[in-house]
Amino acid sequence: MSDLVASWPAPLLYCLGAVWLALVVATVAVTIIARRGASNGAELVARTRTWWWIVAPVSIAMLLGATATAILFAVVSFLALREYLSIIPVRQVDRTAILLAYLAIPLQYWFVHDDWYGMFVIFIPVYAAAAIAFRLVLAGEVKGFIRSAGTLQWGLFLTVYNLSHVAFLMQLDMAAPLPAGGAGLLLFLLVVVQINDVAQYVWGKLFGRRPIAPHVSPKKTVEGFAGGVMTSMAVAALLSPWLTPFGPLEAAAVGAGLAFLGFVGDVTVSAVKRDLGIKDAGAILPGHGGILDRLDSLVFAAPIFLHYVRYYYGA
């Protein structure tokens, strides 16, 4: 245990400490707001309380290492896929194919744990997709085949394949040592993307006038999006010397890219919910909705961020 503690990079501990401090300050602030009778006080309290349940396991997993992080996100992917399948119409004959989709989770995260990048990057797009398609063919029900195949394969991409890139950040082989190791990259991604979510909400509330995607997410505005991008750029530039190999200008550009990709993931999941006529994908996270509602901004940001870092800074 002492060896594990000694291996924790100081920059990682400082940045995690800053996250916890920000959460404490936010908790005090929303408690005061709620006690003053604000109309959304109860929702803010619920949201902040849920953040404690999100930040704690992620922090512990990062400190315990790559294996613990892979296990945590495997559980998250399982919950996200189950949530996805609970809101998407499926046929009775699809049950075995659904089982194959669930079985893909431990295999995908084993490849993460084993640092087997070659199989990690193709297993779901090639092998799992082929297995699911073949099982649907064997079921013999051609009516609705395309819908079922697309639904299951899209769900695997959204909830397992893309999210597994978050955990693989812990395993990246880098050309030069990172200030806080792979955990620093993971923390950088999570903080920038989640700060963008919060900043878009706040800037939108304060200055939002023009809807940016009115038919998909009416509350999102051009002003909120712009404020989120600027905030993400500033936070990314601030964190970069502690957690990444980026210089300040590159970090700001990466922050802008993550903000945009987070927005794309957000409105994509919103479009799914609109199509189904539901507000939230679930209710497991009070104040936030479901797993997909909280992690939607990572589904495109995580894989593109990982491949960017690997291409330019990998060994």
Protein backbone atom coordinates (compact mmCIF):
# COMPACT_ATOMS: atom_id res chain seq x y z
CA MET A 1 0.00 0.00 0.00
CA SER A 2 2.83 2.36 0.86
CA ASP A 3 4.37 1.74 -2.58
CA LEU A 4 1.04 2.63 -4.19
CA VAL A 5 0.75 5.87 -2.24
CA ALA A 6 4.34 6.76 -3.06
CA SER A 7 3.59 6.29 -6.78
CA TRP A 8 0.88 8.97 -6.84
CA PRO A 9 2.23 11.96 -8.80
CA ALA A 10 2.01 15.26 -6.90
CA PRO A 11 0.33 17.10 -9.83
CA LEU A 12 -2.46 14.50 -9.83
CA LEU A 13 -3.02 14.91 -6.09
CA TYR A 14 -3.05 18.70 -6.37
CA CYS A 15 -5.60 18.65 -9.19
CA LEU A 16 -7.80 16.07 -7.47
CA GLY A 17 -7.62 18.23 -4.36
CA ALA A 18 -8.78 21.22 -6.39
CA VAL A 19 -11.73 19.19 -7.72
CA TRP A 20 -12.76 18.20 -4.19
CA LEU A 21 -12.34 21.78 -2.97
CA ALA A 22 -14.54 23.04 -5.82
CA LEU A 23 -17.15 20.45 -4.87
CA VAL A 24 -17.10 21.58 -1.24
CA VAL A 25 -17.52 25.22 -2.28
CA ALA A 26 -20.36 24.28 -4.66
CA THR A 27 -22.08 22.32 -1.91
CA VAL A 28 -21.95 25.27 0.48
CA ALA A 29 -23.15 27.67 -2.22
CA VAL A 30 -26.16 25.60 -3.31
CA THR A 31 -27.11 24.93 0.31
CA ILE A 32 -27.26 28.69 0.92
CA ILE A 33 -29.25 29.19 -2.30
CA ALA A 34 -31.72 26.46 -1.32
CA ARG A 35 -32.22 27.89 2.17
CA ARG A 36 -33.03 31.27 0.67
CA GLY A 37 -35.96 29.68 -1.12
CA ALA A 38 -34.70 29.71 -4.71
CA SER A 39 -37.13 28.03 -7.10
CA ASN A 40 -34.48 25.56 -8.33
CA GLY A 41 -32.79 25.13 -4.95
CA ALA A 42 -33.91 21.54 -4.42
CA GLU A 43 -32.71 20.52 -7.89
CA LEU A 44 -29.30 22.15 -7.32
CA VAL A 45 -28.92 20.36 -3.98
CA ALA A 46 -29.78 17.02 -5.61
CA ARG A 47 -27.35 17.64 -8.46
CA THR A 48 -24.53 18.56 -6.10
CA ARG A 49 -25.17 15.60 -3.82
CA THR A 50 -24.99 13.30 -6.83
CA TRP A 51 -21.66 14.83 -7.84
CA TRP A 52 -20.21 13.53 -4.58
CA TRP A 53 -21.26 10.01 -5.60
CA ILE A 54 -19.64 10.53 -9.01
CA VAL A 55 -16.37 12.17 -7.95
CA ALA A 56 -15.59 9.80 -5.07
CA PRO A 57 -15.43 6.47 -6.98
CA VAL A 58 -13.67 8.05 -9.97
CA SER A 59 -11.02 9.60 -7.71
CA ILE A 60 -10.47 6.32 -5.85
CA ALA A 61 -10.25 4.31 -9.08
CA MET A 62 -7.66 6.68 -10.57
CA LEU A 63 -5.53 6.49 -7.45
CA LEU A 64 -5.76 2.68 -7.34
CA GLY A 65 -4.60 2.43 -10.94
CA ALA A 66 -5.51 1.19 -14.40
CA THR A 67 -7.17 -2.06 -13.31
CA ALA A 68 -9.51 -0.36 -10.84
CA THR A 69 -10.37 2.27 -13.45
CA ALA A 70 -11.15 -0.41 -16.05
CA ILE A 71 -13.43 -2.21 -13.57
CA LEU A 72 -15.23 1.01 -12.65
CA PHE A 73 -15.92 1.96 -16.25
CA ALA A 74 -16.93 -1.60 -17.11
CA VAL A 75 -19.63 -1.28 -14.45
CA VAL A 76 -20.58 2.15 -15.81
CA SER A 77 -20.81 0.73 -19.36
CA PHE A 78 -22.99 -2.13 -18.11
CA LEU A 79 -25.37 0.31 -16.39
CA ALA A 80 -25.39 2.59 -19.45
CA LEU A 81 -26.13 -0.28 -21.86
CA ARG A 82 -28.88 -1.62 -19.58
CA GLU A 83 -30.36 1.87 -19.39
CA TYR A 84 -30.16 2.24 -23.18
CA LEU A 85 -31.87 -1.11 -23.78
CA SER A 86 -34.59 -0.22 -21.27
CA ILE A 87 -35.68 2.77 -23.36
CA ILE A 88 -35.15 1.32 -26.86
CA PRO A 89 -37.82 -0.99 -28.31
CA VAL A 90 -36.43 -4.50 -28.97
CA ARG A 91 -37.98 -7.70 -30.31
CA GLN A 92 -38.43 -10.94 -28.34
CA VAL A 93 -36.16 -12.77 -30.80
CA ASP A 94 -33.35 -10.31 -30.04
CA ARG A 95 -32.76 -11.62 -26.51
CA THR A 96 -29.77 -13.81 -27.35
CA ALA A 97 -28.20 -11.00 -29.38
CA ILE A 98 -28.70 -8.71 -26.38
CA LEU A 99 -26.85 -11.27 -24.25
CA LEU A 100 -23.97 -11.13 -26.72
CA ALA A 101 -23.94 -7.35 -26.37
CA TYR A 102 -23.62 -7.66 -22.59
CA LEU A 103 -20.88 -10.28 -22.93
CA ALA A 104 -18.89 -7.83 -25.05
CA ILE A 105 -18.44 -5.57 -22.00
CA PRO A 106 -16.02 -7.75 -19.96
CA LEU A 107 -14.10 -8.64 -23.12
CA GLN A 108 -13.72 -5.02 -24.19
CA TYR A 109 -12.51 -3.99 -20.75
CA TRP A 110 -10.20 -6.99 -20.53
CA PHE A 111 -8.45 -5.61 -23.60
CA VAL A 112 -8.24 -2.27 -21.77
CA HIS A 113 -6.76 -3.97 -18.69
CA ASP A 114 -4.35 -6.00 -20.83
CA ASP A 115 -3.24 -2.89 -22.77
CA TRP A 116 -4.03 -4.76 -26.01
CA TYR A 117 -4.67 -1.74 -28.18
CA GLY A 118 -5.01 -3.65 -31.45
CA MET A 119 -7.90 -5.77 -30.19
CA PHE A 120 -9.35 -2.97 -28.05
CA VAL A 121 -9.81 -0.75 -31.08
CA ILE A 122 -11.45 -3.35 -33.39
CA PHE A 123 -13.25 -5.82 -31.13
CA ILE A 124 -16.65 -4.11 -30.99
CA PRO A 125 -16.65 -2.49 -34.47
CA VAL A 126 -15.69 -5.79 -36.15
CA TYR A 127 -16.08 -8.93 -34.05
CA ALA A 128 -18.96 -7.98 -31.76
CA ALA A 129 -20.87 -6.36 -34.63
CA ALA A 130 -20.44 -9.48 -36.76
CA ALA A 131 -21.50 -11.80 -33.92
CA ILE A 132 -24.64 -9.79 -33.21
CA ALA A 133 -25.57 -9.63 -36.90
CA PHE A 134 -25.07 -13.39 -37.33
CA ARG A 135 -27.16 -14.18 -34.26
CA LEU A 136 -29.97 -11.99 -35.57
CA VAL A 137 -29.80 -13.85 -38.89
CA LEU A 138 -30.06 -17.20 -37.10
CA ALA A 139 -33.15 -15.96 -35.26
CA GLY A 140 -34.87 -16.10 -38.63
CA GLU A 141 -37.03 -13.01 -38.19
CA VAL A 142 -36.26 -10.67 -41.07
CA LYS A 143 -38.95 -8.11 -40.27
CA GLY A 144 -37.23 -5.43 -38.20
CA PHE A 145 -33.76 -6.93 -38.78
CA ILE A 146 -32.10 -3.65 -39.79
CA ARG A 147 -33.65 -1.80 -36.87
CA SER A 148 -32.54 -4.46 -34.37
CA ALA A 149 -29.00 -4.72 -35.75
CA GLY A 150 -28.62 -0.94 -35.83
CA THR A 151 -30.11 -0.51 -32.37
CA LEU A 152 -27.82 -3.06 -30.70
CA GLN A 153 -24.65 -2.07 -32.53
CA TRP A 154 -25.29 1.64 -31.98
CA GLY A 155 -25.92 0.96 -28.29
CA LEU A 156 -22.63 -0.93 -27.98
CA PHE A 157 -20.74 1.89 -29.65
CA LEU A 158 -22.39 4.54 -27.53
CA THR A 159 -22.22 2.90 -24.10
CA VAL A 160 -19.30 0.48 -24.26
CA TYR A 161 -16.86 1.12 -27.09
CA ASN A 162 -16.71 4.90 -26.84
CA LEU A 163 -16.77 5.01 -23.04
CA SER A 164 -14.02 2.37 -22.80
CA HIS A 165 -11.66 4.96 -24.31
CA VAL A 166 -11.88 6.86 -21.02
CA ALA A 167 -10.37 3.91 -19.16
CA PHE A 168 -7.76 3.23 -21.85
CA LEU A 169 -6.24 6.66 -21.22
CA MET A 170 -4.66 5.06 -18.13
CA GLN A 171 -2.82 2.58 -20.37
CA LEU A 172 -1.46 4.79 -23.15
CA ASP A 173 2.21 4.27 -23.96
CA MET A 174 3.71 7.73 -24.24
CA ALA A 175 6.89 8.89 -25.94
CA ALA A 176 7.79 10.97 -22.88
CA PRO A 177 6.65 10.75 -19.24
CA LEU A 178 3.51 12.69 -18.36
CA PRO A 179 3.34 15.03 -15.35
CA ALA A 180 0.61 12.91 -13.74
CA GLY A 181 0.70 9.72 -15.82
CA GLY A 182 -2.31 8.33 -17.64
CA ALA A 183 -4.51 9.31 -14.71
CA GLY A 184 -3.67 12.93 -15.47
CA LEU A 185 -4.98 12.59 -19.02
CA LEU A 186 -8.16 10.96 -17.72
CA LEU A 187 -8.67 13.69 -15.13
CA PHE A 188 -8.02 16.40 -17.72
CA LEU A 189 -10.65 14.92 -20.05
CA LEU A 190 -13.27 14.53 -17.32
CA VAL A 191 -12.75 17.98 -15.82
CA VAL A 192 -12.78 19.87 -19.13
CA VAL A 193 -15.83 18.04 -20.49
CA GLN A 194 -17.83 18.30 -17.28
CA ILE A 195 -16.85 21.94 -16.73
CA ASN A 196 -18.10 22.60 -20.25
CA ASP A 197 -21.48 21.09 -19.32
CA VAL A 198 -21.75 23.26 -16.22
CA ALA A 199 -20.48 26.39 -18.01
CA GLN A 200 -22.93 25.98 -20.89
CA TYR A 201 -25.76 25.72 -18.37
CA VAL A 202 -24.63 28.78 -16.39
CA TRP A 203 -23.82 30.99 -19.40
CA GLY A 204 -27.05 29.93 -21.04
CA LYS A 205 -29.06 30.84 -17.95
CA LEU A 206 -27.36 34.23 -17.69
CA PHE A 207 -27.15 35.32 -21.32
CA GLY A 208 -28.90 32.72 -23.46
CA ARG A 209 -31.19 34.19 -26.11
CA ARG A 210 -30.79 32.26 -29.37
CA PRO A 211 -31.48 28.49 -29.39
CA ILE A 212 -28.75 26.51 -31.07
CA ALA A 213 -30.71 23.28 -31.68
CA PRO A 214 -34.32 24.20 -30.91
CA HIS A 215 -35.89 20.98 -32.21
CA VAL A 216 -33.51 18.74 -30.26
CA SER A 217 -32.55 20.62 -27.09
CA PRO A 218 -34.52 23.88 -26.81
CA LYS A 219 -32.73 25.10 -23.67
CA LYS A 220 -29.29 25.10 -25.30
CA THR A 221 -28.32 28.47 -26.71
CA VAL A 222 -25.60 29.95 -28.89
CA GLU A 223 -24.51 32.12 -25.96
CA GLY A 224 -24.35 29.13 -23.61
CA PHE A 225 -22.35 27.11 -26.13
CA ALA A 226 -19.89 29.99 -26.71
CA GLY A 227 -19.49 30.53 -22.97
CA GLY A 228 -18.86 26.82 -22.47
CA VAL A 229 -16.20 26.75 -25.18
CA MET A 230 -14.38 29.78 -23.73
CA THR A 231 -14.54 28.39 -20.21
CA SER A 232 -13.26 25.00 -21.38
CA MET A 233 -10.36 26.64 -23.20
CA ALA A 234 -9.34 28.56 -20.08
CA VAL A 235 -9.60 25.51 -17.80
CA ALA A 236 -7.70 23.33 -20.27
CA ALA A 237 -4.86 25.87 -20.54
CA LEU A 238 -4.73 26.13 -16.75
CA LEU A 239 -4.58 22.37 -16.20
CA SER A 240 -2.26 21.48 -19.07
CA PRO A 241 1.12 21.91 -17.29
CA TRP A 242 -0.09 19.69 -14.44
CA LEU A 243 -1.78 16.89 -16.35
CA THR A 244 -0.86 16.85 -20.06
CA PRO A 245 2.00 17.14 -22.56
CA PHE A 246 0.27 20.16 -24.19
CA GLY A 247 1.50 23.72 -24.24
CA PRO A 248 -1.00 26.43 -23.26
CA LEU A 249 -2.13 27.26 -26.81
CA GLU A 250 -2.52 23.63 -27.82
CA ALA A 251 -4.35 22.91 -24.56
CA ALA A 252 -6.79 25.75 -25.25
CA ALA A 253 -7.41 24.35 -28.73
CA VAL A 254 -7.93 20.87 -27.30
CA GLY A 255 -10.30 22.38 -24.72
CA ALA A 256 -12.33 23.98 -27.50
CA GLY A 257 -12.43 20.66 -29.36
CA LEU A 258 -13.58 18.79 -26.26
CA ALA A 259 -16.28 21.40 -25.62
CA PHE A 260 -17.57 21.00 -29.17
CA LEU A 261 -17.46 17.19 -29.03
CA GLY A 262 -19.16 17.25 -25.64
CA PHE A 263 -21.94 19.34 -27.14
CA VAL A 264 -22.26 16.91 -30.07
CA GLY A 265 -22.57 13.95 -27.70
CA ASP A 266 -25.10 15.82 -25.58
CA VAL A 267 -27.42 16.73 -28.44
CA THR A 268 -27.03 13.27 -30.02
CA VAL A 269 -28.37 11.57 -26.89
CA SER A 270 -31.01 14.31 -26.65
CA ALA A 271 -32.10 13.41 -30.19
CA VAL A 272 -32.46 9.77 -29.13
CA LYS A 273 -34.64 10.80 -26.19
CA ARG A 274 -36.70 13.14 -28.37
CA ASP A 275 -37.29 10.34 -30.83
CA LEU A 276 -38.56 8.15 -27.98
CA GLY A 277 -40.58 10.93 -26.36
CA ILE A 278 -38.80 10.82 -22.98
CA LYS A 279 -37.09 13.49 -20.90
CA ASP A 280 -34.36 11.44 -19.21
CA ALA A 281 -32.75 8.12 -20.04
CA GLY A 282 -33.08 7.01 -16.41
CA ALA A 283 -33.36 8.11 -12.81
CA ILE A 284 -30.31 6.53 -11.16
CA LEU A 285 -28.60 9.91 -10.64
CA PRO A 286 -30.90 12.33 -8.76
CA GLY A 287 -30.89 15.76 -10.37
CA HIS A 288 -29.10 14.46 -13.46
CA GLY A 289 -31.35 11.70 -14.76
CA GLY A 290 -29.63 8.52 -15.90
CA ILE A 291 -26.12 7.36 -16.71
CA LEU A 292 -26.51 8.38 -20.35
CA ASP A 293 -27.77 11.82 -19.33
CA ARG A 294 -24.58 12.39 -17.34
CA LEU A 295 -22.05 10.75 -19.67
CA ASP A 296 -23.47 11.80 -23.05
CA SER A 297 -20.83 14.51 -23.42
CA LEU A 298 -18.05 11.89 -23.22
CA VAL A 299 -19.25 9.48 -25.90
CA PHE A 300 -17.48 11.32 -28.76
CA ALA A 301 -15.00 13.41 -26.78
CA ALA A 302 -13.27 10.42 -25.15
CA PRO A 303 -12.32 8.40 -28.27
CA ILE A 304 -11.22 11.41 -30.30
CA PHE A 305 -9.17 12.77 -27.39
CA LEU A 306 -7.45 9.41 -26.86
CA HIS A 307 -6.55 8.97 -30.53
CA TYR A 308 -5.33 12.57 -30.77
CA VAL A 309 -3.00 12.08 -27.79
CA ARG A 310 -1.83 8.69 -29.01
CA TYR A 311 -1.10 9.93 -32.54
CA TYR A 312 0.88 13.01 -31.53
CA TYR A 313 2.44 11.93 -28.22
CA GLY A 314 2.29 8.11 -28.14
CA ALA A 315 5.37 5.91 -28.11
